[in-house]
Amino acid sequence: MFSILQNGGIFMYVILGVSIAALALFLERGVFLFFRLNLNTDQAFQRILSSLEKSNYRDALEECAKIEKHPLGRILKAGLLKSGKRDKEIELAMEENILREIPLVKARINYLTMFANISTLLGLLGTIVGLITAFQGVSNANAAMKQEILASGISVAMFTTAFGLIVAIPCLVGYYILNNRGDYWIEKFEEKALSLLNVLSSLRKERELQCQE
């Protein structure tokens, strides 16, 4: 591995640094999205719904408090705190919290596309530098050395191109994996927020009918 890096020249080390940064980012975001945010949303929502069906808003808030470290808990809690208000106010409260949580879910994921572009461009730059070095060397060298200099320059060019692509492709794959997982959670937030809105709206209408009777 070390000999390959040496053969590719200085750009290989720069691309290696980019790959380490990209791997660290992927692992950090992967742990957050797949493990720290791991929650059975249906089960958690059902517990809240069970409390609401008994008109026990305090228990429902306590259920939200149990999952308050998860964005869903904070979003649903915002809706429950507005349960006595109009539907639009409840909706806006939860939408505001969803918008607040989205940057946390999507944080730094797009850096992977930046790393992919950087590694590709560094590979291309290494290729150009390698070819320039090769042709300059050939023009100034004697006949016996020309073949060796040309081979060395082309080697640098090919190694940097290949290494740049080797880093760029996993970066793009990682980006789509993490981005799709982020979208999954955002859709879950919106789905459960809408479900809670419908439940609270139904309960409010039932109370109004009871008061009229």
Protein backbone atom coordinates (compact mmCIF):
# COMPACT_ATOMS: atom_id res chain seq x y z
CA MET A 1 0.00 0.00 0.00
CA PHE A 2 2.78 2.42 0.92
CA SER A 3 4.63 1.68 -2.33
CA ILE A 4 1.45 2.42 -4.32
CA LEU A 5 1.11 5.76 -2.55
CA GLN A 6 4.74 6.57 -3.33
CA ASN A 7 4.30 5.63 -6.98
CA GLY A 8 1.29 7.89 -7.26
CA GLY A 9 3.03 10.95 -5.90
CA ILE A 10 1.93 13.61 -3.43
CA PHE A 11 -1.68 13.73 -4.67
CA MET A 12 -2.17 10.15 -3.44
CA TYR A 13 -1.58 11.31 0.14
CA VAL A 14 -4.02 14.19 -0.26
CA ILE A 15 -6.69 11.83 -1.64
CA LEU A 16 -5.95 9.44 1.24
CA GLY A 17 -6.61 12.29 3.68
CA VAL A 18 -9.93 12.99 1.94
CA SER A 19 -10.88 9.31 2.19
CA ILE A 20 -10.17 9.25 5.95
CA ALA A 21 -12.29 12.37 6.49
CA ALA A 22 -15.12 10.89 4.40
CA LEU A 23 -15.00 7.59 6.30
CA ALA A 24 -15.09 9.37 9.66
CA LEU A 25 -18.09 11.43 8.53
CA PHE A 26 -19.93 8.39 7.20
CA LEU A 27 -19.42 6.46 10.44
CA GLU A 28 -20.52 9.38 12.62
CA ARG A 29 -23.67 10.04 10.58
CA GLY A 30 -24.36 6.31 10.18
CA VAL A 31 -24.27 5.73 13.94
CA PHE A 32 -26.59 8.71 14.48
CA LEU A 33 -29.15 7.80 11.79
CA PHE A 34 -29.18 4.03 12.19
CA PHE A 35 -28.55 3.58 15.92
CA ARG A 36 -29.13 6.74 17.96
CA LEU A 37 -32.38 7.50 16.10
CA ASN A 38 -33.46 3.87 16.17
CA LEU A 39 -37.00 3.81 17.56
CA ASN A 40 -40.15 1.79 17.04
CA THR A 41 -42.23 4.81 16.05
CA ASP A 42 -45.48 2.85 15.70
CA GLN A 43 -45.18 1.41 19.19
CA ALA A 44 -44.26 4.75 20.75
CA PHE A 45 -47.15 6.50 18.99
CA GLN A 46 -49.58 3.79 20.03
CA ARG A 47 -48.73 4.36 23.69
CA ILE A 48 -49.46 8.08 23.29
CA LEU A 49 -52.68 7.30 21.43
CA SER A 50 -53.82 4.93 24.20
CA SER A 51 -53.45 7.74 26.74
CA LEU A 52 -55.35 10.18 24.52
CA GLU A 53 -58.19 7.71 24.04
CA LYS A 54 -58.65 7.82 27.82
CA SER A 55 -58.50 11.65 27.65
CA ASN A 56 -55.38 11.44 29.79
CA TYR A 57 -53.24 14.22 28.33
CA ARG A 58 -50.79 14.12 31.22
CA ASP A 59 -49.93 10.47 30.55
CA ALA A 60 -49.60 11.27 26.84
CA LEU A 61 -47.11 14.02 27.67
CA GLU A 62 -45.23 11.63 29.95
CA GLU A 63 -44.99 9.14 27.09
CA CYS A 64 -43.54 11.92 24.93
CA ALA A 65 -41.08 12.76 27.72
CA LYS A 66 -39.85 9.15 27.67
CA ILE A 67 -38.71 9.57 24.06
CA GLU A 68 -37.84 13.27 24.27
CA LYS A 69 -34.23 12.54 23.28
CA HIS A 70 -35.64 11.41 19.95
CA PRO A 71 -36.87 14.12 17.55
CA LEU A 72 -40.26 12.43 17.29
CA GLY A 73 -40.85 12.86 21.03
CA ARG A 74 -40.14 16.58 20.82
CA ILE A 75 -42.37 17.02 17.76
CA LEU A 76 -45.35 15.19 19.27
CA LYS A 77 -44.91 16.99 22.58
CA ALA A 78 -45.16 20.34 20.78
CA GLY A 79 -48.49 19.23 19.33
CA LEU A 80 -49.83 17.96 22.64
CA LEU A 81 -48.97 21.22 24.38
CA LYS A 82 -51.25 22.97 21.87
CA SER A 83 -54.02 20.37 22.19
CA GLY A 84 -56.53 22.92 23.45
CA LYS A 85 -55.94 25.24 20.51
CA ARG A 86 -57.27 25.26 16.95
CA ASP A 87 -56.09 22.62 14.47
CA LYS A 88 -53.98 25.17 12.58
CA GLU A 89 -52.08 26.15 15.71
CA ILE A 90 -51.38 22.50 16.54
CA GLU A 91 -50.21 21.89 12.98
CA LEU A 92 -47.94 24.93 12.95
CA ALA A 93 -46.39 23.98 16.31
CA MET A 94 -45.43 20.54 15.03
CA GLU A 95 -44.31 21.85 11.63
CA GLU A 96 -42.02 24.33 13.37
CA ASN A 97 -40.44 21.50 15.36
CA ILE A 98 -40.08 19.31 12.27
CA LEU A 99 -38.27 22.16 10.49
CA ARG A 100 -36.03 22.51 13.54
CA GLU A 101 -35.18 18.79 13.52
CA ILE A 102 -34.49 18.42 9.78
CA PRO A 103 -31.07 20.16 9.90
CA LEU A 104 -30.04 17.83 12.75
CA VAL A 105 -31.06 14.75 10.76
CA LYS A 106 -29.45 15.95 7.51
CA ALA A 107 -26.37 17.55 9.10
CA ARG A 108 -23.12 17.18 7.12
CA ILE A 109 -24.45 14.42 4.84
CA ASN A 110 -23.91 16.56 1.72
CA TYR A 111 -20.21 16.80 2.61
CA LEU A 112 -19.84 13.30 1.18
CA THR A 113 -20.65 14.61 -2.31
CA MET A 114 -18.05 17.34 -1.76
CA PHE A 115 -15.46 14.71 -0.80
CA ALA A 116 -16.39 12.68 -3.89
CA ASN A 117 -15.87 15.71 -6.14
CA ILE A 118 -12.63 16.69 -4.42
CA SER A 119 -11.12 13.20 -4.73
CA THR A 120 -12.12 12.98 -8.41
CA LEU A 121 -10.65 16.41 -9.17
CA LEU A 122 -7.47 15.63 -7.22
CA GLY A 123 -7.12 12.43 -9.23
CA LEU A 124 -7.54 14.41 -12.44
CA LEU A 125 -5.06 17.04 -11.27
CA GLY A 126 -2.57 14.32 -10.39
CA THR A 127 -3.04 12.86 -13.86
CA ILE A 128 -2.34 16.19 -15.55
CA VAL A 129 0.69 16.90 -13.35
CA GLY A 130 2.01 13.39 -13.99
CA LEU A 131 1.70 13.78 -17.76
CA ILE A 132 3.24 17.26 -17.72
CA THR A 133 6.15 15.95 -15.67
CA ALA A 134 6.57 12.98 -18.03
CA PHE A 135 6.63 15.06 -21.22
CA GLN A 136 8.89 17.70 -19.71
CA GLY A 137 11.27 15.00 -18.55
CA VAL A 138 11.24 13.31 -21.96
CA SER A 139 12.03 16.55 -23.74
CA ASN A 140 15.09 17.18 -21.56
CA ALA A 141 16.37 13.62 -21.18
CA ASN A 142 18.72 11.58 -23.30
CA ALA A 143 17.43 8.67 -25.37
CA ALA A 144 18.32 6.05 -22.72
CA MET A 145 16.29 7.78 -20.00
CA LYS A 146 13.23 8.80 -22.01
CA GLN A 147 11.38 5.52 -21.66
CA GLU A 148 11.92 5.35 -17.89
CA ILE A 149 10.81 8.97 -17.32
CA LEU A 150 7.75 8.54 -19.52
CA ALA A 151 6.74 5.34 -17.72
CA SER A 152 7.16 7.01 -14.32
CA GLY A 153 5.03 10.01 -15.29
CA ILE A 154 2.27 7.88 -16.77
CA SER A 155 2.34 5.70 -13.63
CA VAL A 156 1.70 8.75 -11.45
CA ALA A 157 -1.12 9.81 -13.78
CA MET A 158 -2.87 6.43 -13.72
CA PHE A 159 -2.46 5.82 -9.99
CA THR A 160 -3.94 9.18 -9.01
CA THR A 161 -6.88 8.82 -11.41
CA ALA A 162 -7.69 5.33 -10.14
CA PHE A 163 -7.31 6.26 -6.46
CA GLY A 164 -9.46 9.36 -6.89
CA LEU A 165 -12.27 7.25 -8.35
CA ILE A 166 -11.81 4.53 -5.72
CA VAL A 167 -12.50 7.16 -3.04
CA ALA A 168 -15.23 9.05 -4.95
CA ILE A 169 -17.48 6.07 -5.70
CA PRO A 170 -17.94 4.91 -2.06
CA CYS A 171 -18.48 8.56 -1.04
CA LEU A 172 -21.42 8.81 -3.45
CA VAL A 173 -22.81 5.45 -2.33
CA GLY A 174 -22.50 6.55 1.31
CA TYR A 175 -24.23 9.83 0.53
CA TYR A 176 -27.28 8.10 -0.97
CA ILE A 177 -27.48 5.61 1.92
CA LEU A 178 -27.41 8.34 4.57
CA ASN A 179 -29.60 10.75 2.62
CA ASN A 180 -32.28 8.08 2.11
CA ARG A 181 -32.17 7.22 5.80
CA GLY A 182 -32.58 10.90 6.66
CA ASP A 183 -35.56 11.16 4.31
CA TYR A 184 -37.06 8.07 5.96
CA TRP A 185 -36.99 9.74 9.38
CA ILE A 186 -38.39 13.03 8.09
CA GLU A 187 -41.29 11.15 6.48
CA LYS A 188 -41.89 9.35 9.79
CA PHE A 189 -41.98 12.67 11.65
CA GLU A 190 -44.50 14.10 9.20
CA GLU A 191 -46.62 10.94 9.23
CA LYS A 192 -46.89 10.77 13.03
CA ALA A 193 -47.43 14.51 13.34
CA LEU A 194 -50.36 14.30 10.92
CA SER A 195 -51.77 11.29 12.77
CA LEU A 196 -51.58 13.16 16.08
CA LEU A 197 -53.23 16.20 14.53
CA ASN A 198 -56.13 14.05 13.31
CA VAL A 199 -56.51 12.42 16.74
CA LEU A 200 -56.46 15.74 18.60
CA SER A 201 -58.90 17.25 16.11
CA SER A 202 -61.31 14.33 16.57
CA LEU A 203 -61.11 14.56 20.36
CA ARG A 204 -61.74 18.32 20.29
CA LYS A 205 -64.82 17.84 18.10
CA GLU A 206 -66.12 15.15 20.45
CA ARG A 207 -65.74 17.51 23.42
CA GLU A 208 -67.56 20.27 21.56
CA LEU A 209 -70.45 17.94 20.77
CA GLN A 210 -70.65 16.82 24.37
CA CYS A 211 -70.77 20.44 25.52
CA GLN A 212 -73.58 21.22 23.07
CA GLU A 213 -75.62 18.30 24.39
